[in-house]
PDB file of all heavy atoms in Angstrom:
ATOM      1  N   SER A   1     138.475 107.869  79.354  1.00  0.00           N
ATOM      2  CA  SER A   1     138.582 106.463  78.830  1.00  0.00           C
ATOM      3  C   SER A   1     139.149 106.395  77.424  1.00  0.00           C
ATOM      4  O   SER A   1     139.788 105.416  77.084  1.00  0.00           O
ATOM      5  CB  SER A   1     137.249 105.750  78.949  1.00  0.00           C
ATOM      6  OG  SER A   1     136.124 106.579  78.767  1.00  0.00           O
ATOM      7  N   ASP A   2     139.005 107.458  76.617  1.00  0.00           N
ATOM      8  CA  ASP A   2     139.530 107.340  75.272  1.00  0.00           C
ATOM      9  C   ASP A   2     141.041 107.614  75.263  1.00  0.00           C
ATOM     10  O   ASP A   2     141.726 107.438  74.261  1.00  0.00           O
ATOM     11  CB  ASP A   2     138.828 108.344  74.294  1.00  0.00           C
ATOM     12  CG  ASP A   2     138.854 109.795  74.744  1.00  0.00           C
ATOM     13  OD1 ASP A   2     139.549 110.135  75.735  1.00  0.00           O
ATOM     14  OD2 ASP A   2     138.141 110.584  74.154  1.00  0.00           O
ATOM     15  N   ALA A   3     141.621 108.042  76.414  1.00  0.00           N
ATOM     16  CA  ALA A   3     143.069 108.213  76.509  1.00  0.00           C
ATOM     17  C   ALA A   3     143.726 107.100  77.283  1.00  0.00           C
ATOM     18  O   ALA A   3     144.931 107.143  77.478  1.00  0.00           O
ATOM     19  CB  ALA A   3     143.347 109.566  77.189  1.00  0.00           C
ATOM     20  N   THR A   4     142.967 106.069  77.689  1.00  0.00           N
ATOM     21  CA  THR A   4     143.556 104.960  78.432  1.00  0.00           C
ATOM     22  C   THR A   4     144.502 104.222  77.513  1.00  0.00           C
ATOM     23  O   THR A   4     144.344 104.181  76.289  1.00  0.00           O
ATOM     24  CB  THR A   4     142.485 103.963  78.967  1.00  0.00           C
ATOM     25  OG1 THR A   4     141.666 103.573  77.925  1.00  0.00           O
ATOM     26  CG2 THR A   4     141.674 104.587  80.091  1.00  0.00           C
ATOM     27  N   LEU A   5     145.517 103.640  78.117  1.00  0.00           N
ATOM     28  CA  LEU A   5     146.544 102.893  77.373  1.00  0.00           C
ATOM     29  C   LEU A   5     146.156 101.419  77.430  1.00  0.00           C
ATOM     30  O   LEU A   5     145.557 100.920  78.397  1.00  0.00           O
ATOM     31  CB  LEU A   5     147.938 103.140  78.034  1.00  0.00           C
ATOM     32  CG  LEU A   5     148.275 104.621  78.227  1.00  0.00           C
ATOM     33  CD1 LEU A   5     149.531 104.749  79.036  1.00  0.00           C
ATOM     34  CD2 LEU A   5     148.361 105.305  76.928  1.00  0.00           C
ATOM     35  N   ASN A   6     146.529 100.675  76.373  1.00  0.00           N
ATOM     36  CA  ASN A   6     146.081  99.259  76.278  1.00  0.00           C
ATOM     37  C   ASN A   6     147.219  98.268  75.954  1.00  0.00           C
ATOM     38  O   ASN A   6     147.076  97.453  75.098  1.00  0.00           O
ATOM     39  CB  ASN A   6     145.032  99.186  75.190  1.00  0.00           C
ATOM     40  CG  ASN A   6     143.724  98.666  75.739  1.00  0.00           C
ATOM     41  OD1 ASN A   6     143.691  98.233  76.865  1.00  0.00           O
ATOM     42  ND2 ASN A   6     142.703  98.633  74.886  1.00  0.00           N
ATOM     43  N   PRO A   7     148.379  98.348  76.649  1.00  0.00           N
ATOM     44  CA  PRO A   7     149.452  97.406  76.309  1.00  0.00           C
ATOM     45  C   PRO A   7     149.043  95.970  76.684  1.00  0.00           C
ATOM     46  O   PRO A   7     148.582  95.731  77.821  1.00  0.00           O
ATOM     47  CB  PRO A   7     150.622  97.899  77.168  1.00  0.00           C
ATOM     48  CG  PRO A   7     150.031  98.589  78.303  1.00  0.00           C
ATOM     49  CD  PRO A   7     148.718  99.213  77.772  1.00  0.00           C
ATOM     50  N   GLY A   8     149.194  95.074  75.732  1.00  0.00           N
ATOM     51  CA  GLY A   8     148.858  93.674  75.981  1.00  0.00           C
ATOM     52  C   GLY A   8     147.387  93.485  76.360  1.00  0.00           C
ATOM     53  O   GLY A   8     147.021  92.469  77.016  1.00  0.00           O
ATOM     54  N   GLY A   9     146.532  94.444  75.935  1.00  0.00           N
ATOM     55  CA  GLY A   9     145.089  94.318  76.152  1.00  0.00           C
ATOM     56  C   GLY A   9     144.676  94.692  77.608  1.00  0.00           C
ATOM     57  O   GLY A   9     143.515  94.556  77.964  1.00  0.00           O
ATOM     58  N   VAL A  10     145.623  95.231  78.412  1.00  0.00           N
ATOM     59  CA  VAL A  10     145.283  95.635  79.755  1.00  0.00           C
ATOM     60  C   VAL A  10     145.084  97.139  79.791  1.00  0.00           C
ATOM     61  O   VAL A  10     145.933  97.887  79.403  1.00  0.00           O
ATOM     62  CB  VAL A  10     146.380  95.237  80.752  1.00  0.00           C
ATOM     63  CG1 VAL A  10     146.080  95.740  82.179  1.00  0.00           C
ATOM     64  CG2 VAL A  10     146.584  93.726  80.740  1.00  0.00           C
ATOM     65  N   ARG A  11     143.921  97.628  80.325  1.00  0.00           N
ATOM     66  CA  ARG A  11     143.632  99.038  80.314  1.00  0.00           C
ATOM     67  C   ARG A  11     144.358  99.748  81.486  1.00  0.00           C
ATOM     68  O   ARG A  11     144.299  99.310  82.623  1.00  0.00           O
ATOM     69  CB  ARG A  11     142.159  99.327  80.481  1.00  0.00           C
ATOM     70  CG  ARG A  11     141.346  98.960  79.253  1.00  0.00           C
ATOM     71  CD  ARG A  11     139.877  99.340  79.419  1.00  0.00           C
ATOM     72  NE  ARG A  11     139.719 100.767  79.139  1.00  0.00           N
ATOM     73  CZ  ARG A  11     138.551 101.389  79.305  1.00  0.00           C
ATOM     74  NH1 ARG A  11     137.472 100.726  79.710  1.00  0.00           N
ATOM     75  NH2 ARG A  11     138.412 102.675  79.020  1.00  0.00           N
ATOM     76  N   ILE A  12     145.015 100.848  81.150  1.00  0.00           N
ATOM     77  CA  ILE A  12     145.779 101.638  82.129  1.00  0.00           C
ATOM     78  C   ILE A  12     145.327 103.101  82.034  1.00  0.00           C
ATOM     79  O   ILE A  12     145.333 103.647  80.928  1.00  0.00           O
ATOM     80  CB  ILE A  12     147.274 101.536  81.846  1.00  0.00           C
ATOM     81  CG1 ILE A  12     147.769 100.111  82.119  1.00  0.00           C
ATOM     82  CG2 ILE A  12     148.071 102.551  82.715  1.00  0.00           C
ATOM     83  CD1 ILE A  12     149.210  99.904  81.628  1.00  0.00           C
ATOM     84  N   GLY A  13     144.957 103.724  83.130  1.00  0.00           N
ATOM     85  CA  GLY A  13     144.624 105.165  83.138  1.00  0.00           C
ATOM     86  C   GLY A  13     145.903 105.954  83.205  1.00  0.00           C
ATOM     87  O   GLY A  13     146.803 105.685  83.995  1.00  0.00           O
ATOM     88  N   THR A  14     145.997 106.983  82.367  1.00  0.00           N
ATOM     89  CA  THR A  14     147.225 107.792  82.289  1.00  0.00           C
ATOM     90  C   THR A  14     147.555 108.485  83.602  1.00  0.00           C
ATOM     91  O   THR A  14     148.680 108.745  83.907  1.00  0.00           O
ATOM     92  CB  THR A  14     147.127 108.821  81.119  1.00  0.00           C
ATOM     93  OG1 THR A  14     145.892 109.534  81.275  1.00  0.00           O
ATOM     94  CG2 THR A  14     147.191 108.157  79.771  1.00  0.00           C
ATOM     95  N   ALA A  15     146.485 108.871  84.328  1.00  0.00           N
ATOM     96  CA  ALA A  15     146.700 109.599  85.583  1.00  0.00           C
ATOM     97  C   ALA A  15     147.495 108.779  86.573  1.00  0.00           C
ATOM     98  O   ALA A  15     148.255 109.328  87.421  1.00  0.00           O
ATOM     99  CB  ALA A  15     145.332 109.918  86.223  1.00  0.00           C
ATOM    100  N   GLU A  16     147.488 107.472  86.483  1.00  0.00           N
ATOM    101  CA  GLU A  16     148.274 106.605  87.386  1.00  0.00           C
ATOM    102  C   GLU A  16     149.764 106.821  87.149  1.00  0.00           C
ATOM    103  O   GLU A  16     150.583 106.858  88.037  1.00  0.00           O
ATOM    104  CB  GLU A  16     147.941 105.147  87.173  1.00  0.00           C
ATOM    105  CG  GLU A  16     146.442 104.808  87.506  1.00  0.00           C
ATOM    106  CD  GLU A  16     146.125 103.382  87.062  1.00  0.00           C
ATOM    107  OE1 GLU A  16     146.410 102.460  87.827  1.00  0.00           O
ATOM    108  OE2 GLU A  16     145.626 103.205  85.941  1.00  0.00           O
ATOM    109  N   ILE A  17     150.137 107.015  85.859  1.00  0.00           N
ATOM    110  CA  ILE A  17     151.554 107.262  85.485  1.00  0.00           C
ATOM    111  C   ILE A  17     151.970 108.675  85.908  1.00  0.00           C
ATOM    112  O   ILE A  17     152.992 108.857  86.562  1.00  0.00           O
ATOM    113  CB  ILE A  17     151.763 107.032  83.992  1.00  0.00           C
ATOM    114  CG1 ILE A  17     151.528 105.554  83.621  1.00  0.00           C
ATOM    115  CG2 ILE A  17     153.158 107.499  83.573  1.00  0.00           C
ATOM    116  CD1 ILE A  17     151.588 105.232  82.153  1.00  0.00           C
ATOM    117  N   TYR A  18     151.148 109.668  85.563  1.00  0.00           N
ATOM    118  CA  TYR A  18     151.459 111.061  85.869  1.00  0.00           C
ATOM    119  C   TYR A  18     151.675 111.251  87.385  1.00  0.00           C
ATOM    120  O   TYR A  18     152.552 111.996  87.812  1.00  0.00           O
ATOM    121  CB  TYR A  18     150.351 112.044  85.388  1.00  0.00           C
ATOM    122  CG  TYR A  18     150.057 111.911  83.919  1.00  0.00           C
ATOM    123  CD1 TYR A  18     148.778 112.184  83.439  1.00  0.00           C
ATOM    124  CD2 TYR A  18     151.007 111.513  82.971  1.00  0.00           C
ATOM    125  CE1 TYR A  18     148.457 112.108  82.110  1.00  0.00           C
ATOM    126  CE2 TYR A  18     150.670 111.432  81.615  1.00  0.00           C
ATOM    127  CZ  TYR A  18     149.374 111.715  81.226  1.00  0.00           C
ATOM    128  OH  TYR A  18     149.084 111.635  79.882  1.00  0.00           O
ATOM    129  N   ARG A  19     150.872 110.595  88.161  1.00  0.00           N
ATOM    130  CA  ARG A  19     150.862 110.757  89.623  1.00  0.00           C
ATOM    131  C   ARG A  19     152.309 110.518  90.157  1.00  0.00           C
ATOM    132  O   ARG A  19     152.798 111.266  91.002  1.00  0.00           O
ATOM    133  CB  ARG A  19     149.939 109.755  90.235  1.00  0.00           C
ATOM    134  CG  ARG A  19     150.055 109.717  91.731  1.00  0.00           C
ATOM    135  CD  ARG A  19     149.202 108.592  92.330  1.00  0.00           C
ATOM    136  NE  ARG A  19     149.444 108.524  93.765  1.00  0.00           N
ATOM    137  CZ  ARG A  19     148.907 107.557  94.549  1.00  0.00           C
ATOM    138  NH1 ARG A  19     148.094 106.658  94.043  1.00  0.00           N
ATOM    139  NH2 ARG A  19     149.165 107.539  95.851  1.00  0.00           N
ATOM    140  N   TYR A  20     152.973 109.490  89.671  1.00  0.00           N
ATOM    141  CA  TYR A  20     154.302 109.190  90.282  1.00  0.00           C
ATOM    142  C   TYR A  20     155.425 109.844  89.515  1.00  0.00           C
ATOM    143  O   TYR A  20     156.403 110.307  90.169  1.00  0.00           O
ATOM    144  CB  TYR A  20     154.460 107.604  90.280  1.00  0.00           C
ATOM    145  CG  TYR A  20     153.435 106.998  91.207  1.00  0.00           C
ATOM    146  CD1 TYR A  20     152.335 106.270  90.688  1.00  0.00           C
ATOM    147  CD2 TYR A  20     153.533 107.182  92.587  1.00  0.00           C
ATOM    148  CE1 TYR A  20     151.393 105.751  91.520  1.00  0.00           C
ATOM    149  CE2 TYR A  20     152.561 106.629  93.446  1.00  0.00           C
ATOM    150  CZ  TYR A  20     151.517 105.926  92.912  1.00  0.00           C
ATOM    151  OH  TYR A  20     150.549 105.417  93.729  1.00  0.00           O
ATOM    152  N   VAL A  21     155.355 109.945  88.219  1.00  0.00           N
ATOM    153  CA  VAL A  21     156.426 110.610  87.457  1.00  0.00           C
ATOM    154  C   VAL A  21     156.553 112.059  87.895  1.00  0.00           C
ATOM    155  O   VAL A  21     157.670 112.571  88.084  1.00  0.00           O
ATOM    156  CB  VAL A  21     156.104 110.483  85.945  1.00  0.00           C
ATOM    157  CG1 VAL A  21     157.149 111.340  85.156  1.00  0.00           C
ATOM    158  CG2 VAL A  21     156.219 109.071  85.505  1.00  0.00           C
ATOM    159  N   GLU A  22     155.445 112.718  88.065  1.00  0.00           N
ATOM    160  CA  GLU A  22     155.517 114.175  88.360  1.00  0.00           C
ATOM    161  C   GLU A  22     155.881 114.492  89.793  1.00  0.00           C
ATOM    162  O   GLU A  22     156.053 115.657  90.146  1.00  0.00           O
ATOM    163  CB  GLU A  22     154.228 114.828  87.927  1.00  0.00           C
ATOM    164  CG  GLU A  22     154.068 114.829  86.385  1.00  0.00           C
ATOM    165  CD  GLU A  22     152.751 115.361  85.848  1.00  0.00           C
ATOM    166  OE1 GLU A  22     152.030 116.021  86.610  1.00  0.00           O
ATOM    167  OE2 GLU A  22     152.448 115.109  84.687  1.00  0.00           O
ATOM    168  N   GLN A  23     156.050 113.447  90.641  1.00  0.00           N
ATOM    169  CA  GLN A  23     156.560 113.678  91.993  1.00  0.00           C
ATOM    170  C   GLN A  23     158.073 113.747  91.957  1.00  0.00           C
ATOM    171  O   GLN A  23     158.676 114.231  92.880  1.00  0.00           O
ATOM    172  CB  GLN A  23     156.178 112.500  92.881  1.00  0.00           C
ATOM    173  CG  GLN A  23     154.761 112.588  93.392  1.00  0.00           C
ATOM    174  CD  GLN A  23     154.469 111.430  94.327  1.00  0.00           C
ATOM    175  OE1 GLN A  23     155.087 111.294  95.388  1.00  0.00           O
ATOM    176  NE2 GLN A  23     153.589 110.565  93.944  1.00  0.00           N
ATOM    177  N   LEU A  24     158.712 113.286  90.866  1.00  0.00           N
ATOM    178  CA  LEU A  24     160.185 113.288  90.794  1.00  0.00           C
ATOM    179  C   LEU A  24     160.668 114.743  90.677  1.00  0.00           C
ATOM    180  O   LEU A  24     160.067 115.559  89.957  1.00  0.00           O
ATOM    181  CB  LEU A  24     160.672 112.462  89.593  1.00  0.00           C
ATOM    182  CG  LEU A  24     160.312 110.987  89.641  1.00  0.00           C
ATOM    183  CD1 LEU A  24     160.692 110.297  88.307  1.00  0.00           C
ATOM    184  CD2 LEU A  24     160.985 110.274  90.807  1.00  0.00           C
ATOM    185  N   ASP A  25     161.730 115.067  91.399  1.00  0.00           N
ATOM    186  CA  ASP A  25     162.249 116.423  91.437  1.00  0.00           C
ATOM    187  C   ASP A  25     162.643 116.922  90.018  1.00  0.00           C
ATOM    188  O   ASP A  25     162.474 118.112  89.704  1.00  0.00           O
ATOM    189  CB  ASP A  25     163.484 116.524  92.328  1.00  0.00           C
ATOM    190  CG  ASP A  25     163.110 116.366  93.794  1.00  0.00           C
ATOM    191  OD1 ASP A  25     161.939 116.625  94.137  1.00  0.00           O
ATOM    192  OD2 ASP A  25     164.000 115.966  94.557  1.00  0.00           O
ATOM    193  N   GLU A  26     163.098 116.006  89.171  1.00  0.00           N
ATOM    194  CA  GLU A  26     163.576 116.410  87.843  1.00  0.00           C
ATOM    195  C   GLU A  26     162.460 116.768  86.866  1.00  0.00           C
ATOM    196  O   GLU A  26     162.695 117.397  85.854  1.00  0.00           O
ATOM    197  CB  GLU A  26     164.417 115.292  87.252  1.00  0.00           C
ATOM    198  CG  GLU A  26     165.672 114.902  88.087  1.00  0.00           C
ATOM    199  CD  GLU A  26     165.355 113.826  89.101  1.00  0.00           C
ATOM    200  OE1 GLU A  26     164.179 113.612  89.440  1.00  0.00           O
ATOM    201  OE2 GLU A  26     166.319 113.180  89.556  1.00  0.00           O
ATOM    202  N   VAL A  27     161.243 116.203  87.127  1.00  0.00           N
ATOM    203  CA  VAL A  27     160.177 116.274  86.115  1.00  0.00           C
ATOM    204  C   VAL A  27     159.193 117.395  86.437  1.00  0.00           C
ATOM    205  O   VAL A  27     158.687 117.429  87.561  1.00  0.00           O
ATOM    206  CB  VAL A  27     159.424 114.892  86.003  1.00  0.00           C
ATOM    207  CG1 VAL A  27     158.297 114.993  84.998  1.00  0.00           C
ATOM    208  CG2 VAL A  27     160.426 113.832  85.594  1.00  0.00           C
ATOM    209  N   LEU A  28     158.921 118.274  85.430  1.00  0.00           N
ATOM    210  CA  LEU A  28     157.948 119.299  85.610  1.00  0.00           C
ATOM    211  C   LEU A  28     156.573 118.798  85.350  1.00  0.00           C
ATOM    212  O   LEU A  28     155.628 118.951  86.116  1.00  0.00           O
ATOM    213  CB  LEU A  28     158.293 120.512  84.720  1.00  0.00           C
ATOM    214  CG  LEU A  28     157.666 121.841  84.975  1.00  0.00           C
ATOM    215  CD1 LEU A  28     158.045 122.332  86.388  1.00  0.00           C
ATOM    216  CD2 LEU A  28     158.042 122.851  83.932  1.00  0.00           C
ATOM    217  N   GLU A  29     156.409 118.127  84.140  1.00  0.00           N
ATOM    218  CA  GLU A  29     155.129 117.503  83.795  1.00  0.00           C
ATOM    219  C   GLU A  29     155.351 116.479  82.730  1.00  0.00           C
ATOM    220  O   GLU A  29     156.449 116.381  82.168  1.00  0.00           O
ATOM    221  CB  GLU A  29     154.097 118.574  83.318  1.00  0.00           C
ATOM    222  CG  GLU A  29     154.582 119.458  82.202  1.00  0.00           C
ATOM    223  CD  GLU A  29     153.538 120.507  81.873  1.00  0.00           C
ATOM    224  OE1 GLU A  29     152.447 120.528  82.460  1.00  0.00           O
ATOM    225  OE2 GLU A  29     153.848 121.385  81.010  1.00  0.00           O
ATOM    226  N   SER A  30     154.308 115.713  82.404  1.00  0.00           N
ATOM    227  CA  SER A  30     154.440 114.597  81.471  1.00  0.00           C
ATOM    228  C   SER A  30     153.166 114.321  80.708  1.00  0.00           C
ATOM    229  O   SER A  30     152.096 114.785  81.120  1.00  0.00           O
ATOM    230  CB  SER A  30     154.917 113.368  82.234  1.00  0.00           C
ATOM    231  OG  SER A  30     153.946 113.016  83.245  1.00  0.00           O
ATOM    232  N   ILE A  31     153.269 113.556  79.625  1.00  0.00           N
ATOM    233  CA  ILE A  31     152.134 113.144  78.888  1.00  0.00           C
ATOM    234  C   ILE A  31     152.441 111.736  78.312  1.00  0.00           C
ATOM    235  O   ILE A  31     153.542 111.502  77.815  1.00  0.00           O
ATOM    236  CB  ILE A  31     151.762 114.123  77.785  1.00  0.00           C
ATOM    237  CG1 ILE A  31     150.420 113.765  77.077  1.00  0.00           C
ATOM    238  CG2 ILE A  31     152.833 114.270  76.723  1.00  0.00           C
ATOM    239  CD1 ILE A  31     149.834 114.870  76.235  1.00  0.00           C
ATOM    240  N   ALA A  32     151.485 110.794  78.442  1.00  0.00           N
ATOM    241  CA  ALA A  32     151.671 109.427  77.987  1.00  0.00           C
ATOM    242  C   ALA A  32     150.667 109.076  76.921  1.00  0.00           C
ATOM    243  O   ALA A  32     149.501 109.477  76.980  1.00  0.00           O
ATOM    244  CB  ALA A  32     151.560 108.495  79.170  1.00  0.00           C
ATOM    245  N   ILE A  33     151.098 108.288  75.897  1.00  0.00           N
ATOM    246  CA  ILE A  33     150.207 107.821  74.839  1.00  0.00           C
ATOM    247  C   ILE A  33     150.502 106.366  74.573  1.00  0.00           C
ATOM    248  O   ILE A  33     151.566 105.833  74.971  1.00  0.00           O
ATOM    249  CB  ILE A  33     150.314 108.630  73.579  1.00  0.00           C
ATOM    250  CG1 ILE A  33     151.760 108.463  72.985  1.00  0.00           C
ATOM    251  CG2 ILE A  33     149.986 110.095  73.723  1.00  0.00           C
ATOM    252  CD1 ILE A  33     151.831 108.551  71.469  1.00  0.00           C
ATOM    253  N   GLY A  34     149.619 105.723  73.882  1.00  0.00           N
ATOM    254  CA  GLY A  34     149.892 104.382  73.363  1.00  0.00           C
ATOM    255  C   GLY A  34     150.232 104.458  71.890  1.00  0.00           C
ATOM    256  O   GLY A  34     149.485 105.024  71.098  1.00  0.00           O
ATOM    257  N   GLN A  35     151.381 103.899  71.541  1.00  0.00           N
ATOM    258  CA  GLN A  35     151.780 103.868  70.111  1.00  0.00           C
ATOM    259  C   GLN A  35     151.573 102.470  69.543  1.00  0.00           C
ATOM    260  O   GLN A  35     152.018 101.495  70.137  1.00  0.00           O
ATOM    261  CB  GLN A  35     153.290 104.245  69.999  1.00  0.00           C
ATOM    262  CG  GLN A  35     153.730 104.290  68.518  1.00  0.00           C
ATOM    263  CD  GLN A  35     155.241 104.328  68.392  1.00  0.00           C
ATOM    264  OE1 GLN A  35     156.014 104.095  69.313  1.00  0.00           O
ATOM    265  NE2 GLN A  35     155.712 104.696  67.183  1.00  0.00           N
ATOM    266  N   ASP A  36     150.891 102.351  68.402  1.00  0.00           N
ATOM    267  CA  ASP A  36     150.722 101.052  67.773  1.00  0.00           C
ATOM    268  C   ASP A  36     152.121 100.553  67.355  1.00  0.00           C
ATOM    269  O   ASP A  36     152.838 101.231  66.686  1.00  0.00           O
ATOM    270  CB  ASP A  36     149.808 101.227  66.543  1.00  0.00           C
ATOM    271  CG  ASP A  36     148.419 101.677  66.908  1.00  0.00           C
ATOM    272  OD1 ASP A  36     148.017 101.457  68.088  1.00  0.00           O
ATOM    273  OD2 ASP A  36     147.756 102.267  66.033  1.00  0.00           O
ATOM    274  N   TRP A  37     152.411  99.318  67.815  1.00  0.00           N
ATOM    275  CA  TRP A  37     153.770  98.789  67.537  1.00  0.00           C
ATOM    276  C   TRP A  37     153.746  97.295  67.548  1.00  0.00           C
ATOM    277  O   TRP A  37     153.325  96.670  68.554  1.00  0.00           O
ATOM    278  CB  TRP A  37     154.753  99.311  68.546  1.00  0.00           C
ATOM    279  CG  TRP A  37     156.177  99.063  68.206  1.00  0.00           C
ATOM    280  CD1 TRP A  37     156.991  98.058  68.684  1.00  0.00           C
ATOM    281  CD2 TRP A  37     156.930  99.784  67.238  1.00  0.00           C
ATOM    282  NE1 TRP A  37     158.230  98.121  68.116  1.00  0.00           N
ATOM    283  CE2 TRP A  37     158.216  99.166  67.195  1.00  0.00           C
ATOM    284  CE3 TRP A  37     156.733 100.882  66.432  1.00  0.00           C
ATOM    285  CZ2 TRP A  37     159.233  99.627  66.333  1.00  0.00           C
ATOM    286  CZ3 TRP A  37     157.675 101.331  65.580  1.00  0.00           C
ATOM    287  CH2 TRP A  37     158.946 100.713  65.559  1.00  0.00           C
ATOM    288  N   ASP A  38     154.185  96.688  66.464  1.00  0.00           N
ATOM    289  CA  ASP A  38     154.396  95.237  66.450  1.00  0.00           C
ATOM    290  C   ASP A  38     153.127  94.472  66.866  1.00  0.00           C
ATOM    291  O   ASP A  38     153.183  93.569  67.714  1.00  0.00           O
ATOM    292  CB  ASP A  38     155.612  94.882  67.359  1.00  0.00           C
ATOM    293  CG  ASP A  38     156.206  93.538  67.009  1.00  0.00           C
ATOM    294  OD1 ASP A  38     155.960  93.039  65.891  1.00  0.00           O
ATOM    295  OD2 ASP A  38     156.909  92.960  67.855  1.00  0.00           O
ATOM    296  N   ASN A  39     152.021  94.828  66.241  1.00  0.00           N
ATOM    297  CA  ASN A  39     150.705  94.185  66.452  1.00  0.00           C
ATOM    298  C   ASN A  39     150.235  94.342  67.954  1.00  0.00           C
ATOM    299  O   ASN A  39     149.488  93.515  68.437  1.00  0.00           O
ATOM    300  CB  ASN A  39     150.732  92.709  66.095  1.00  0.00           C
ATOM    301  CG  ASN A  39     150.978  92.517  64.596  1.00  0.00           C
ATOM    302  OD1 ASN A  39     150.421  93.261  63.790  1.00  0.00           O
ATOM    303  ND2 ASN A  39     151.916  91.649  64.247  1.00  0.00           N
ATOM    304  N   ASP A  40     150.752  95.298  68.621  1.00  0.00           N
ATOM    305  CA  ASP A  40     150.313  95.573  70.015  1.00  0.00           C
ATOM    306  C   ASP A  40     150.372  97.083  70.193  1.00  0.00           C
ATOM    307  O   ASP A  40     150.445  97.813  69.245  1.00  0.00           O
ATOM    308  CB  ASP A  40     151.289  94.856  70.996  1.00  0.00           C
ATOM    309  CG  ASP A  40     150.725  94.786  72.397  1.00  0.00           C
ATOM    310  OD1 ASP A  40     149.561  95.252  72.657  1.00  0.00           O
ATOM    311  OD2 ASP A  40     151.406  94.209  73.305  1.00  0.00           O
ATOM    312  N   VAL A  41     150.316  97.497  71.458  1.00  0.00           N
ATOM    313  CA  VAL A  41     150.432  98.949  71.795  1.00  0.00           C
ATOM    314  C   VAL A  41     151.550  99.072  72.800  1.00  0.00           C
ATOM    315  O   VAL A  41     151.591  98.267  73.799  1.00  0.00           O
ATOM    316  CB  VAL A  41     149.096  99.455  72.415  1.00  0.00           C
ATOM    317  CG1 VAL A  41     149.274 100.889  72.908  1.00  0.00           C
ATOM    318  CG2 VAL A  41     147.980  99.414  71.374  1.00  0.00           C
ATOM    319  N   ARG A  42     152.454 100.029  72.587  1.00  0.00           N
ATOM    320  CA  ARG A  42     153.481 100.262  73.584  1.00  0.00           C
ATOM    321  C   ARG A  42     153.283 101.633  74.215  1.00  0.00           C
ATOM    322  O   ARG A  42     152.831 102.567  73.571  1.00  0.00           O
ATOM    323  CB  ARG A  42     154.907 100.109  73.028  1.00  0.00           C
ATOM    324  CG  ARG A  42     155.282 101.129  71.968  1.00  0.00           C
ATOM    325  CD  ARG A  42     156.701 100.872  71.489  1.00  0.00           C
ATOM    326  NE  ARG A  42     157.133 101.869  70.510  1.00  0.00           N
ATOM    327  CZ  ARG A  42     158.311 101.835  69.872  1.00  0.00           C
ATOM    328  NH1 ARG A  42     159.184 100.877  70.121  1.00  0.00           N
ATOM    329  NH2 ARG A  42     158.613 102.760  69.012  1.00  0.00           N
ATOM    330  N   VAL A  43     153.638 101.732  75.509  1.00  0.00           N
ATOM    331  CA  VAL A  43     153.458 103.003  76.225  1.00  0.00           C
ATOM    332  C   VAL A  43     154.666 103.890  75.933  1.00  0.00           C
ATOM    333  O   VAL A  43     155.841 103.508  76.118  1.00  0.00           O
ATOM    334  CB  VAL A  43     153.345 102.730  77.760  1.00  0.00           C
ATOM    335  CG1 VAL A  43     153.261 104.095  78.516  1.00  0.00           C
ATOM    336  CG2 VAL A  43     152.145 101.835  78.064  1.00  0.00           C
ATOM    337  N   VAL A  44     154.348 105.176  75.539  1.00  0.00           N
ATOM    338  CA  VAL A  44     155.384 106.173  75.278  1.00  0.00           C
ATOM    339  C   VAL A  44     155.130 107.311  76.225  1.00  0.00           C
ATOM    340  O   VAL A  44     154.024 107.826  76.306  1.00  0.00           O
ATOM    341  CB  VAL A  44     155.389 106.617  73.804  1.00  0.00           C
ATOM    342  CG1 VAL A  44     156.431 107.750  73.637  1.00  0.00           C
ATOM    343  CG2 VAL A  44     155.539 105.502  72.869  1.00  0.00           C
ATOM    344  N   LEU A  45     156.211 107.669  76.985  1.00  0.00           N
ATOM    345  CA  LEU A  45     156.083 108.762  77.949  1.00  0.00           C
ATOM    346  C   LEU A  45     156.951 109.938  77.530  1.00  0.00           C
ATOM    347  O   LEU A  45     158.133 109.760  77.316  1.00  0.00           O
ATOM    348  CB  LEU A  45     156.519 108.277  79.336  1.00  0.00           C
ATOM    349  CG  LEU A  45     156.519 109.335  80.480  1.00  0.00           C
ATOM    350  CD1 LEU A  45     155.062 109.725  80.784  1.00  0.00           C
ATOM    351  CD2 LEU A  45     157.238 108.820  81.705  1.00  0.00           C
TER     352      LEU A  45
END
């Protein structure tokens, strides 16, 4: 829960992103964070 992303105040579990990105043939692995930006949080992959 401390790694969940919060863009626009909506909670997102990082595992949901990894699940689909890491199925792509080109991608070996990934990590996602929330970056504080413009009085909100943006998702960085």
